[in-house]
Protein backbone atom coordinates (compact mmCIF):
# COMPACT_ATOMS: atom_id res chain seq x y z
CA MET A 1 0.00 0.00 0.00
CA LYS A 2 2.78 2.43 0.96
CA LYS A 3 4.61 1.65 -2.27
CA SER A 4 1.42 2.41 -4.23
CA ILE A 5 1.06 5.82 -2.57
CA VAL A 6 4.71 6.66 -3.22
CA PHE A 7 4.20 5.70 -6.85
CA TRP A 8 1.08 7.84 -7.40
CA LEU A 9 2.21 11.02 -5.56
CA PRO A 10 4.64 12.27 -8.27
CA GLY A 11 1.99 11.65 -10.91
CA LEU A 12 -0.67 13.53 -8.96
CA PHE A 13 1.71 16.47 -8.38
CA PHE A 14 2.57 16.57 -12.09
CA LEU A 15 -1.13 16.50 -13.05
CA VAL A 16 -2.06 19.38 -10.70
CA PHE A 17 0.95 21.47 -11.76
CA SER A 18 0.22 20.90 -15.44
CA THR A 19 -3.44 21.91 -14.98
CA ILE A 20 -2.53 25.16 -13.18
CA ARG A 21 0.10 25.98 -15.76
CA LEU A 22 -2.22 25.15 -18.63
CA GLY A 23 -4.96 27.39 -17.11
CA ALA A 24 -2.52 30.26 -16.71
CA GLN A 25 -1.23 29.81 -20.23
CA THR A 26 -4.80 29.66 -21.60
CA LYS A 27 -5.79 32.96 -19.94
CA ALA A 28 -2.56 34.62 -21.07
CA ASP A 29 -3.08 33.31 -24.60
CA THR A 30 -6.67 34.62 -24.62
CA PHE A 31 -5.51 38.01 -23.42
CA GLY A 32 -2.89 38.14 -26.18
CA LYS A 33 -5.48 37.19 -28.82
CA ILE A 34 -7.81 39.95 -27.62
CA GLU A 35 -4.93 42.43 -27.74
CA LYS A 36 -4.27 41.44 -31.37
CA PHE A 37 -7.99 41.52 -32.21
CA LEU A 38 -8.29 45.00 -30.68
CA GLN A 39 -5.38 46.15 -32.82
CA ASP A 40 -7.19 44.81 -35.92
CA TYR A 41 -10.25 46.82 -34.93
CA GLN A 42 -8.14 49.98 -34.65
CA ASP A 43 -6.46 49.30 -38.03
CA PHE A 44 -9.74 48.64 -39.89
CA SER A 45 -12.00 51.20 -38.17
CA ALA A 46 -11.05 53.97 -40.63
CA LEU A 47 -12.39 51.68 -43.42
CA GLY A 48 -9.40 52.35 -45.64
CA ARG A 49 -5.88 51.08 -46.22
CA SER A 50 -2.93 52.65 -44.46
CA GLY A 51 -1.43 55.46 -46.52
CA SER A 52 -4.61 55.99 -48.56
CA PRO A 53 -7.01 58.89 -47.89
CA TYR A 54 -10.02 56.94 -49.23
CA ILE A 55 -12.35 54.22 -48.03
CA ASP A 56 -12.10 50.88 -49.86
CA GLU A 57 -14.34 47.81 -49.98
CA ALA A 58 -11.63 45.35 -48.90
CA THR A 59 -11.02 47.17 -45.61
CA ILE A 60 -14.79 47.59 -45.05
CA SER A 61 -15.18 43.83 -45.48
CA SER A 62 -12.35 43.16 -43.00
CA PHE A 63 -14.00 45.55 -40.55
CA LYS A 64 -17.37 43.76 -40.84
CA ASN A 65 -15.73 40.39 -40.22
CA LEU A 66 -14.78 41.53 -36.72
CA PHE A 67 -18.42 41.52 -35.58
CA GLU A 68 -21.16 39.07 -34.68
CA MET A 69 -24.10 38.86 -37.09
CA ASP A 70 -26.41 40.75 -34.69
CA ALA A 71 -23.80 43.22 -33.42
CA ASN A 72 -24.72 46.85 -32.63
CA LEU A 73 -22.44 49.89 -32.71
CA PHE A 74 -22.46 53.33 -31.14
CA TRP A 75 -22.14 56.06 -33.80
CA ASP A 76 -18.78 57.46 -32.73
CA LEU A 77 -17.72 59.33 -35.89
CA PHE A 78 -19.96 62.39 -35.58
CA LYS A 79 -18.37 65.71 -36.58
CA THR A 80 -20.31 67.90 -34.14
CA GLU A 81 -22.26 67.20 -30.96
CA SER A 82 -25.52 67.90 -32.81
CA GLN A 83 -24.82 64.88 -35.06
CA ARG A 84 -24.87 62.41 -32.17
CA ILE A 85 -27.28 59.46 -32.59
CA ASN A 86 -29.09 58.25 -29.49
CA TYR A 87 -29.52 54.65 -30.64
CA LEU A 88 -27.15 51.88 -31.75
CA LEU A 89 -26.54 51.01 -35.40
CA THR A 90 -26.07 47.71 -37.15
CA VAL A 91 -22.69 47.11 -38.78
CA GLU A 92 -24.19 47.81 -42.23
CA GLU A 93 -25.80 51.05 -41.03
CA TYR A 94 -22.53 52.10 -39.42
CA THR A 95 -20.37 51.58 -42.54
CA ASP A 96 -23.00 53.22 -44.79
CA SER A 97 -23.07 56.25 -42.47
CA VAL A 98 -19.28 56.57 -42.64
CA GLN A 99 -19.32 56.61 -46.44
CA ARG A 100 -22.17 59.12 -46.53
CA VAL A 101 -20.83 61.55 -43.87
CA TYR A 102 -17.23 61.49 -45.05
CA ALA A 103 -18.04 61.29 -48.80
CA GLY A 104 -15.74 58.35 -49.49
CA LYS A 105 -12.78 59.71 -47.53
CA LYS A 106 -11.30 58.01 -44.49
CA PRO A 107 -12.11 59.54 -41.09
CA VAL A 108 -8.94 60.58 -39.26
CA ILE A 109 -8.84 58.51 -36.07
CA SER A 110 -6.30 57.99 -33.32
CA TYR A 111 -6.43 55.77 -30.26
CA GLY A 112 -5.13 56.14 -26.73
CA LYS A 113 -4.82 53.81 -23.79
CA HIS A 114 -7.07 50.79 -23.33
CA HIS A 115 -7.97 48.32 -20.60
CA ILE A 116 -9.07 44.69 -21.06
CA ALA A 117 -11.03 42.61 -18.54
CA ILE A 118 -11.75 38.91 -19.21
CA ASN A 119 -14.81 37.31 -17.60
CA ALA A 120 -14.09 34.55 -15.06
CA SER A 121 -15.75 32.00 -17.35
CA GLY A 122 -13.40 33.02 -20.16
CA LYS A 123 -16.34 33.30 -22.60
CA THR A 124 -16.59 37.10 -22.74
CA ALA A 125 -14.27 40.06 -22.36
CA ILE A 126 -14.66 43.83 -22.17
CA ALA A 127 -12.22 46.41 -23.50
CA TYR A 128 -12.34 50.08 -22.56
CA LEU A 129 -10.76 52.21 -25.27
CA HIS A 130 -10.14 55.93 -25.74
CA LYS A 131 -10.75 57.15 -29.28
CA THR A 132 -10.08 60.58 -30.81
CA ASN A 133 -11.73 61.87 -33.99
CA ASN A 134 -9.76 64.51 -35.88
CA VAL A 135 -12.26 66.43 -37.97
CA PRO A 136 -11.11 69.14 -40.43
CA GLY A 137 -12.34 72.59 -39.47
CA LYS A 138 -12.32 75.88 -41.32
CA LYS A 139 -9.44 76.45 -43.69
CA ASP A 140 -7.03 79.23 -42.72
CA SER A 141 -4.24 80.82 -44.76
CA ARG A 142 -1.85 77.92 -44.28
CA ASP A 143 -3.62 74.63 -43.69
CA PHE A 144 -6.68 72.86 -42.37
CA LYS A 145 -7.33 73.08 -38.66
CA LEU A 146 -8.27 69.75 -37.05
CA ASN A 147 -10.92 69.76 -34.32
CA LYS A 148 -10.35 66.89 -31.90
CA THR A 149 -13.21 65.07 -30.18
CA GLY A 150 -12.34 62.46 -27.55
CA LEU A 151 -14.61 59.50 -26.83
CA ASN A 152 -14.50 56.54 -24.48
CA LEU A 153 -15.76 53.26 -25.92
CA ARG A 154 -16.80 49.95 -24.36
CA LEU A 155 -16.25 46.87 -26.57
CA LEU A 156 -17.87 43.55 -25.63
CA PHE A 157 -16.20 40.42 -27.06
CA ASN A 158 -17.61 36.90 -27.37
CA ILE A 159 -14.95 34.20 -27.11
CA ARG A 160 -15.62 30.78 -28.63
CA GLU A 161 -12.51 28.57 -28.57
CA ASP A 162 -10.18 30.23 -31.10
CA THR A 163 -12.81 32.66 -32.42
CA ILE A 164 -13.19 36.19 -31.03
CA LEU A 165 -15.91 38.53 -32.31
CA ILE A 166 -17.32 41.88 -31.17
CA GLN A 167 -20.90 41.64 -29.84
CA ASN A 168 -21.42 45.40 -29.45
CA ILE A 169 -19.66 48.73 -29.07
CA THR A 170 -21.22 51.36 -26.80
CA GLU A 171 -20.05 54.63 -25.32
CA ASP A 172 -18.27 54.18 -22.00
CA THR A 173 -20.47 56.26 -19.70
CA ARG A 174 -18.75 55.29 -16.47
CA LEU A 175 -18.21 58.33 -14.27
CA THR A 176 -14.91 59.33 -12.72
CA ARG A 177 -14.56 59.38 -8.95
CA ILE A 178 -13.52 63.05 -9.20
CA ARG A 179 -16.46 65.00 -10.58
CA ASN A 180 -14.78 68.40 -11.02
CA LEU A 181 -11.90 70.64 -9.99
CA SER A 182 -12.74 74.29 -9.36
CA ILE A 183 -11.16 77.59 -8.40
CA GLU A 184 -13.17 79.94 -6.23
CA GLY A 185 -13.18 83.43 -4.80
CA CYS A 186 -15.40 84.63 -1.97
CA TYR A 187 -16.06 88.13 -0.69
CA ASN A 188 -17.32 88.12 2.89
CA PHE A 189 -19.99 90.76 3.44
CA VAL A 190 -19.76 89.97 7.16
CA SER A 191 -16.54 88.65 8.62
CA LYS A 192 -16.94 88.99 12.34
CA ILE A 193 -14.79 88.18 15.35
CA SER A 194 -17.51 87.42 17.87
CA GLY A 195 -18.66 85.42 20.86
CA SER A 196 -21.93 83.63 20.20
CA PHE A 197 -24.57 84.54 17.60
CA PHE A 198 -22.40 87.30 16.10
CA GLU A 199 -22.19 89.26 19.38
CA ASN A 200 -18.96 90.91 20.51
CA PRO A 201 -16.79 88.55 22.56
CA VAL A 202 -16.28 89.24 26.28
CA SER A 203 -12.91 90.65 27.35
CA ALA A 204 -11.10 89.14 30.35
CA ILE A 205 -9.48 92.41 31.47
CA ASN A 206 -10.73 94.38 34.47
CA PRO A 207 -13.69 96.47 33.23
CA GLU A 208 -12.31 99.43 35.24
CA LEU A 209 -9.45 99.74 32.74
CA THR A 210 -11.73 100.87 29.89
CA SER A 211 -15.18 102.38 29.50
CA GLY A 212 -15.95 100.02 26.59
CA TYR A 213 -14.86 98.89 23.16
CA THR A 214 -16.28 98.32 19.70
CA ILE A 215 -15.26 96.07 16.80
CA GLY A 216 -15.97 97.50 13.37
CA ASN A 217 -14.93 97.58 9.71
CA GLN A 218 -14.80 93.79 9.56
CA THR A 219 -14.28 92.52 6.02
CA GLY A 220 -12.65 89.48 4.48
CA PHE A 221 -12.16 87.22 1.50
CA ASN A 222 -11.32 83.62 0.58
CA ILE A 223 -9.56 82.31 -2.51
CA GLY A 224 -8.64 78.74 -3.28
CA VAL A 225 -9.48 75.47 -4.99
CA ASN A 226 -11.96 72.70 -4.30
CA MET A 227 -12.74 69.26 -5.63
CA ASP A 228 -15.94 67.20 -5.76
CA PHE A 229 -15.76 63.43 -5.21
CA ARG A 230 -18.65 61.19 -6.20
CA ILE A 231 -19.91 58.79 -3.55
CA ASN A 232 -21.96 56.90 -6.13
CA ARG A 233 -20.23 56.70 -9.51
CA LYS A 234 -23.49 55.65 -11.19
CA THR A 235 -25.10 59.08 -10.77
CA LEU A 236 -23.92 62.24 -12.52
CA ASP A 237 -24.55 64.49 -9.51
CA GLY A 238 -26.40 63.19 -6.45
CA LEU A 239 -24.48 63.16 -3.16
CA LEU A 240 -20.81 64.20 -3.24
CA ILE A 241 -17.97 65.01 -0.88
CA ASN A 242 -16.46 68.46 -1.44
CA VAL A 243 -12.93 69.16 -0.19
CA GLY A 244 -11.24 72.54 -0.54
CA LEU A 245 -8.06 74.40 0.28
CA LEU A 246 -8.66 78.10 0.88
CA TYR A 247 -6.53 81.09 1.78
CA SER A 248 -8.51 83.55 3.87
CA ARG A 249 -7.99 86.99 5.32
CA THR A 250 -10.17 88.89 7.77
CA ASP A 251 -9.55 92.52 8.73
CA ALA A 252 -11.13 94.20 11.74
CA THR A 253 -10.71 97.45 13.68
CA VAL A 254 -11.00 97.52 17.49
CA ASN A 255 -11.58 100.86 19.26
CA ILE A 256 -11.02 100.95 23.04
CA ASN A 257 -12.27 104.01 24.96
CA ASN A 258 -10.71 105.83 27.95
CA TYR A 259 -8.06 103.37 29.03
CA VAL A 260 -6.67 103.98 32.54
CA ASN A 261 -4.18 101.66 34.27
CA SER A 262 -2.59 102.48 37.65
CA TYR A 263 0.03 100.83 39.84
CA ARG A 264 2.38 101.79 42.72
CA GLN A 265 6.06 102.50 42.08
CA SER A 266 8.98 103.66 44.28
CA PHE A 267 11.59 106.22 43.24
CA ASP A 268 14.93 106.86 44.95
CA PRO A 269 16.46 110.21 43.92
CA ASP A 270 19.42 111.64 45.82
CA THR A 271 17.11 113.12 48.46
CA ASN A 272 13.64 112.31 49.70
CA PRO A 273 12.88 108.85 48.26
CA PHE A 274 9.16 108.52 47.58
CA GLU A 275 6.44 106.10 46.51
CA ILE A 276 3.77 107.25 44.12
CA SER A 277 0.86 105.96 42.03
CA VAL A 278 1.70 105.78 38.32
CA PHE A 279 -1.09 106.34 35.78
CA ASP A 280 -1.14 105.25 32.14
CA ARG A 281 -4.00 107.06 30.39
CA THR A 282 -5.24 107.36 26.85
CA PRO A 283 -8.59 108.64 25.55
CA GLY A 284 -8.70 105.96 22.89
CA ILE A 285 -6.80 103.03 21.33
CA ARG A 286 -7.24 102.09 17.69
CA GLU A 287 -6.06 98.65 16.70
CA LYS A 288 -6.18 97.12 13.22
CA ILE A 289 -6.22 93.32 13.29
CA SER A 290 -5.60 91.01 10.35
CA LEU A 291 -6.21 87.27 10.60
CA MET A 292 -4.71 85.19 7.79
CA GLY A 293 -4.55 81.48 7.25
CA PHE A 294 -5.46 78.36 5.34
CA SER A 295 -8.74 76.50 5.70
CA ILE A 296 -9.83 73.02 4.63
CA PRO A 297 -13.62 72.65 4.35
CA VAL A 298 -14.86 69.05 4.14
CA THR A 299 -18.55 69.13 3.29
CA LEU A 300 -21.34 66.96 1.98
CA LYS A 301 -22.76 68.40 -1.24
CA TRP A 302 -26.22 67.31 -2.31
CA TYR A 303 -27.78 68.20 -5.66
CA VAL A 304 -31.44 68.69 -4.82
CA LEU A 305 -32.06 69.57 -8.47
CA HIS A 306 -29.88 69.26 -11.56
CA ARG A 307 -28.35 72.72 -11.04
CA PHE A 308 -29.17 73.48 -7.39
CA TYR A 309 -27.33 72.07 -4.37
CA LEU A 310 -26.90 72.29 -0.59
CA LYS A 311 -23.63 71.97 1.35
CA ALA A 312 -22.80 71.44 5.02
CA GLY A 313 -19.85 70.20 7.04
CA PRO A 314 -16.84 71.18 9.16
CA GLN A 315 -14.00 73.50 8.22
CA PHE A 316 -10.52 73.21 9.75
CA SER A 317 -8.35 76.32 9.76
CA LEU A 318 -4.84 77.35 10.71
CA PHE A 319 -4.56 81.07 11.44
CA SER A 320 -1.86 83.60 12.05
CA GLY A 321 -2.43 87.26 12.80
CA THR A 322 -0.94 90.71 12.96
CA SER A 323 -1.92 93.76 14.98
CA GLN A 324 -1.17 97.43 14.28
CA VAL A 325 -2.02 99.81 17.09
CA THR A 326 -1.93 103.61 17.54
CA TYR A 327 -2.66 105.62 20.69
CA THR A 328 -1.65 108.78 22.55
CA LEU A 329 -0.45 107.92 26.07
CA SER A 330 0.18 109.96 29.22
CA HIS A 331 2.50 108.27 31.74
CA THR A 332 2.33 110.37 34.95
CA GLY A 333 2.67 110.10 38.74
CA GLY A 334 0.17 111.35 41.28
CA GLY A 335 -2.60 110.42 43.64
CA LYS A 336 -1.57 109.64 47.24
CA CYS A 337 2.22 109.94 47.50
CA LEU A 338 4.54 108.86 50.35
CA LEU A 339 7.94 110.29 51.30
CA ILE A 340 10.20 107.40 52.33
CA ASN A 341 12.44 108.38 55.34
CA GLU A 342 15.79 106.70 55.64
CA ASN A 343 15.13 105.85 59.34
CA SER A 344 11.84 104.12 58.46
CA LEU A 345 9.61 106.26 60.68
CA PRO A 346 6.46 104.75 62.19
CA ALA A 347 3.41 104.86 60.03
CA ASN A 348 1.84 107.72 62.02
CA GLU A 349 4.92 109.86 61.36
CA GLN A 350 5.27 109.09 57.62
CA LYS A 351 4.84 112.10 55.38
CA TRP A 352 2.07 111.89 52.76
CA PHE A 353 1.06 114.31 50.07
CA TYR A 354 -1.55 114.23 47.31
CA LEU A 355 -1.34 115.22 43.63
CA ASP A 356 -4.55 115.53 41.65
CA GLU A 357 -4.73 114.80 37.90
CA GLN A 358 -4.04 118.42 36.93
CA HIS A 359 -0.90 118.54 39.08
CA GLU A 360 0.49 115.07 38.54
CA MET A 361 4.20 114.69 38.00
CA ALA A 362 5.28 114.61 34.35
CA ASP A 363 9.00 114.99 35.05
CA ALA A 364 11.12 113.28 32.38
CA GLN A 365 13.82 112.35 34.93
CA TYR A 366 11.38 109.81 36.39
CA GLY A 367 10.32 108.62 32.95
CA PHE A 368 7.04 110.56 33.03
CA PHE A 369 5.50 112.24 29.99
CA ARG A 370 2.20 113.54 28.67
CA ASN A 371 0.41 112.85 25.34
CA ARG A 372 3.14 110.88 23.61
CA GLU A 373 2.20 109.24 20.30
CA PHE A 374 2.71 105.50 20.08
CA ALA A 375 2.42 103.16 17.09
CA GLY A 376 3.38 99.54 17.09
CA SER A 377 2.77 96.14 15.60
CA SER A 378 2.85 92.62 16.91
CA THR A 379 2.18 89.05 15.90
CA ILE A 380 -0.95 87.56 17.42
CA SER A 381 -0.54 84.16 19.03
CA LEU A 382 -3.29 81.81 17.87
CA THR A 383 -4.25 78.18 18.27
CA THR A 384 -3.01 75.76 15.65
CA LEU A 385 -6.52 74.61 14.83
CA ASN A 386 -9.84 76.39 14.47
CA VAL A 387 -13.01 74.46 13.68
CA ALA A 388 -16.12 75.99 12.13
CA ALA A 389 -19.41 74.72 10.74
CA VAL A 390 -19.99 75.50 7.05
CA PHE A 391 -23.37 75.94 5.35
CA ALA A 392 -23.97 76.92 1.73
CA ILE A 393 -26.47 76.79 -1.10
CA GLY A 394 -25.47 77.07 -4.72
CA ILE A 395 -26.66 77.24 -8.27
CA GLU A 396 -24.52 76.51 -11.32
CA ALA A 397 -24.54 76.67 -15.09
CA ARG A 398 -22.69 74.19 -17.33
CA PHE A 399 -21.10 74.85 -20.68
CA LYS A 400 -19.94 71.43 -21.90
CA LYS A 401 -17.22 70.62 -19.35
CA ILE A 402 -17.02 74.09 -17.80
CA VAL A 403 -19.04 74.82 -14.66
CA ILE A 404 -19.76 78.33 -13.33
CA GLY A 405 -21.50 78.65 -9.97
CA ILE A 406 -22.71 81.21 -7.45
CA GLU A 407 -22.73 80.15 -3.81
CA PRO A 408 -23.93 82.08 -0.72
CA TRP A 409 -21.68 80.92 2.12
CA LEU A 410 -21.94 80.89 5.94
CA THR A 411 -19.36 79.76 8.50
CA LEU A 412 -20.05 79.60 12.23
CA GLY A 413 -17.00 79.33 14.47
CA LEU A 414 -17.03 76.45 16.96
CA THR A 415 -13.70 76.95 18.76
CA ASN A 416 -11.59 79.82 20.08
CA LEU A 417 -9.19 81.72 17.89
CA THR A 418 -6.62 81.91 20.70
CA GLY A 419 -5.35 79.16 22.92
CA THR A 420 -5.97 81.07 26.18
CA SER A 421 -9.13 82.03 28.04
CA GLY A 422 -8.22 85.71 27.77
CA VAL A 423 -5.32 87.90 28.96
CA GLU A 424 -6.29 89.82 32.12
CA ASP A 425 -3.21 92.02 32.44
CA TYR A 426 -3.55 94.45 29.53
CA LYS A 427 -0.71 97.00 29.43
CA LEU A 428 0.28 99.67 26.94
CA TYR A 429 3.48 100.82 28.64
CA PRO A 430 6.26 99.97 28.23
CA GLU A 431 5.62 99.18 24.58
CA THR A 432 7.49 95.87 24.84
CA VAL A 433 4.69 94.36 26.94
CA TYR A 434 1.92 95.31 24.51
CA SER A 435 -0.30 92.49 23.28
CA SER A 436 -3.31 92.61 20.99
CA PHE A 437 -6.69 93.38 22.53
CA LEU A 438 -7.91 90.33 20.59
CA GLN A 439 -5.97 88.19 23.05
CA THR A 440 -8.02 89.48 25.98
CA PHE A 441 -11.22 87.95 24.56
CA ARG A 442 -12.83 84.86 26.05
CA SER A 443 -14.28 82.22 23.68
CA GLN A 444 -14.02 84.33 20.57
CA LYS A 445 -14.99 82.85 17.22
CA LEU A 446 -14.80 83.81 13.56
CA ASN A 447 -18.12 83.96 11.69
CA THR A 448 -18.56 84.89 8.05
CA VAL A 449 -21.33 85.47 5.54
CA GLY A 450 -20.15 85.74 1.95
CA LEU A 451 -20.78 85.08 -1.70
CA LYS A 452 -18.58 82.76 -3.76
CA LEU A 453 -17.91 82.68 -7.48
CA ILE A 454 -16.81 79.21 -8.60
CA ILE A 455 -15.37 78.23 -11.98
CA GLY A 456 -14.51 74.59 -12.58
CA LYS A 457 -13.87 71.83 -15.06
CA MET A 458 -15.78 68.55 -15.04
CA PHE A 459 -13.91 65.30 -15.59
CA THR A 460 -14.81 62.43 -17.89
CA ARG A 461 -12.93 59.27 -18.79
């Protein structure tokens, strides 16, 4: 028994190996035959011999022999879009149409890349082929201008042992995953740094420092690119995913009224050291803020109608900012002042005096001054990531593969622009400690209402 098994094992191994190899060779051979057959189709499809400008019966006959008896063909040799035919032709109708439309001359055809897929049963195969028609246009002073029309074809082959024939040729209407690539520009009618519901954000500084502030002159714009991706490649529009990359800028002006900051400071001249209240005062601060950065909106885009759509989704942004500030500052000493005695007298013997606002010290030797003009700039520290909710509606017009759209656009900020909860210690003097008033806000957000103009190109195979 053992000897019998040992005897049959090599034979069984050889049989299995031969079958696998034969199957692989058969599929490779079939693929090669289809490749050759597809080349014959390309050679004969102009219905004329190579080097000749005219159609001839021998080539027409060779072309017909490539097809099944009941084969149907898409009319792919139209000269203009208006000459498209919405139904399939028989082989006879197809060749007659070529002779009639081109008046006995060969159509000028070129072919691009192709893809072949063989059915698992090995009885059918499909080839996807790109075809270009070169149609003579108007004659200019030198030569004929050729108008090129690209088409994608789907060829279905029937395979019967060594015989391969075309069952039908149709237009390849498969849709690309990428629907279109667009450039866009958006002017923001409202571009507001705000708290909630477009209200001014709350400042963290002591309200006694200022009598109030306003944020005005807020404008902005976006420019960038976006791309639509089809979720379902069987529908022309439907539900899509829209991804963009936008550069944005928002400008705002902050006006702060009647700023007053006071603190105690000791001075030690040659005689009579003293301690005094120091006042930094300005009737108004004007600060111009610019927020710049890149945003990536990732939205769902739904075509409710053929030309009308809705969009919604998150937008992720990376901002940087600059601040330019101008103010007139008085840095003076006054209020309740204390003479500091060298022998540290008891409190009841310490010498006090009082200087009102009109008589405050403005002596330059102590660094005091009145009504000095200041102008400065700084970089605003922001979080690395800002998240907003995006809502839009749009309407578009299509001109062949060109799309032009108008889109009202709304973004509602969901996170803070800065990484802190608000700076409480807001100083204007010395200038080196100045920070933007924007950084004193708690939970500030960026909200925009704008109108986009979008120009794009649709993709086909």
